[in-house]
Protein backbone atom coordinates (compact mmCIF):
# COMPACT_ATOMS: atom_id res chain seq x y z
CA MET A 1 121.83 86.97 126.21
CA SER A 2 118.81 84.41 124.65
CA GLU A 3 116.90 85.19 121.90
CA LYS A 4 113.96 87.48 122.06
CA SER A 5 110.10 86.39 121.80
CA SER A 6 108.88 87.95 119.18
CA ILE A 7 105.37 89.15 119.35
CA ILE A 8 102.74 90.06 116.60
CA THR A 9 99.64 92.58 118.06
CA ILE A 10 96.35 92.64 116.41
CA ASP A 11 93.41 94.78 116.67
CA ASP A 12 91.72 97.55 115.44
CA HIS A 13 92.33 100.08 118.05
CA PRO A 14 95.61 101.97 117.02
CA LEU A 15 95.97 103.06 120.95
CA LEU A 16 96.08 99.89 122.49
CA ARG A 17 98.56 98.46 120.07
CA LYS A 18 100.79 101.80 120.65
CA GLY A 19 100.09 100.83 124.54
CA LEU A 20 101.39 97.63 124.50
CA LYS A 21 104.43 98.24 122.72
CA GLN A 22 105.01 100.75 124.99
CA LEU A 23 105.19 97.99 127.48
CA VAL A 24 106.91 95.90 125.65
CA GLU A 25 109.70 98.15 125.32
CA PHE A 26 111.08 98.35 128.93
CA GLU A 27 111.27 94.07 128.56
CA ASP A 28 114.50 92.27 127.54
CA ASP A 29 113.36 89.10 126.43
CA ILE A 30 110.14 89.94 124.10
CA GLU A 31 109.66 92.52 120.89
CA ILE A 32 106.60 93.09 118.73
CA ILE A 33 107.84 92.70 115.62
CA ALA A 34 104.37 93.71 113.46
CA GLU A 35 100.84 95.40 114.27
CA ALA A 36 97.93 94.74 111.90
CA SER A 37 94.95 96.51 112.46
CA ASN A 38 92.46 93.27 111.23
CA GLY A 39 92.65 90.09 111.56
CA PRO A 40 92.95 89.74 107.39
CA ASP A 41 96.84 91.44 107.72
CA GLY A 42 97.65 90.03 110.72
CA ILE A 43 96.76 86.01 109.31
CA LYS A 44 99.34 87.24 106.91
CA LEU A 45 102.15 88.55 108.73
CA ALA A 46 101.89 85.60 111.09
CA ILE A 47 102.47 83.19 108.06
CA GLU A 48 105.27 85.50 107.28
CA LEU A 49 106.69 86.29 110.24
CA GLU A 50 106.13 82.74 112.51
CA PRO A 51 105.95 85.11 115.79
CA ASP A 52 105.98 82.98 118.93
CA LEU A 53 103.00 84.49 120.82
CA THR A 54 100.12 86.84 118.74
CA ILE A 55 98.07 88.85 121.17
CA ARG A 56 94.78 90.01 119.47
CA SER A 57 91.27 91.50 120.29
CA LYS A 58 89.21 88.98 121.47
CA TYR A 59 85.86 91.44 119.99
CA ALA A 60 87.25 90.85 116.71
CA LYS A 61 84.89 91.84 113.46
CA TYR A 62 83.90 89.18 111.01
CA GLY A 63 84.96 86.28 112.86
CA TRP A 64 88.05 85.85 111.43
CA HIS A 65 89.38 85.47 115.39
CA ARG A 66 88.27 82.10 115.57
CA ASN A 67 89.97 80.67 112.56
CA ILE A 68 93.49 82.50 113.12
CA LYS A 69 94.63 79.50 115.37
CA GLU A 70 94.91 77.62 112.58
CA PHE A 71 97.11 79.52 110.46
CA THR A 72 99.59 80.76 113.97
CA ARG A 73 100.71 77.31 114.75
């Protein structure tokens, strides 16, 4: 079996993060390795953990979503 793809979820809605985690649990090739409730924490996690993918809110507060691509490349 190949290595699992890693995901970080970044959203201020805990119910959304929980739902995504439950959906991903059924997949063998992907896993959520961390969750953040805001952009600054998400950026820190992305730098530290280097995930394959980040799932984040399009409607983030304070405009952090505009700059997260720079930190997660």
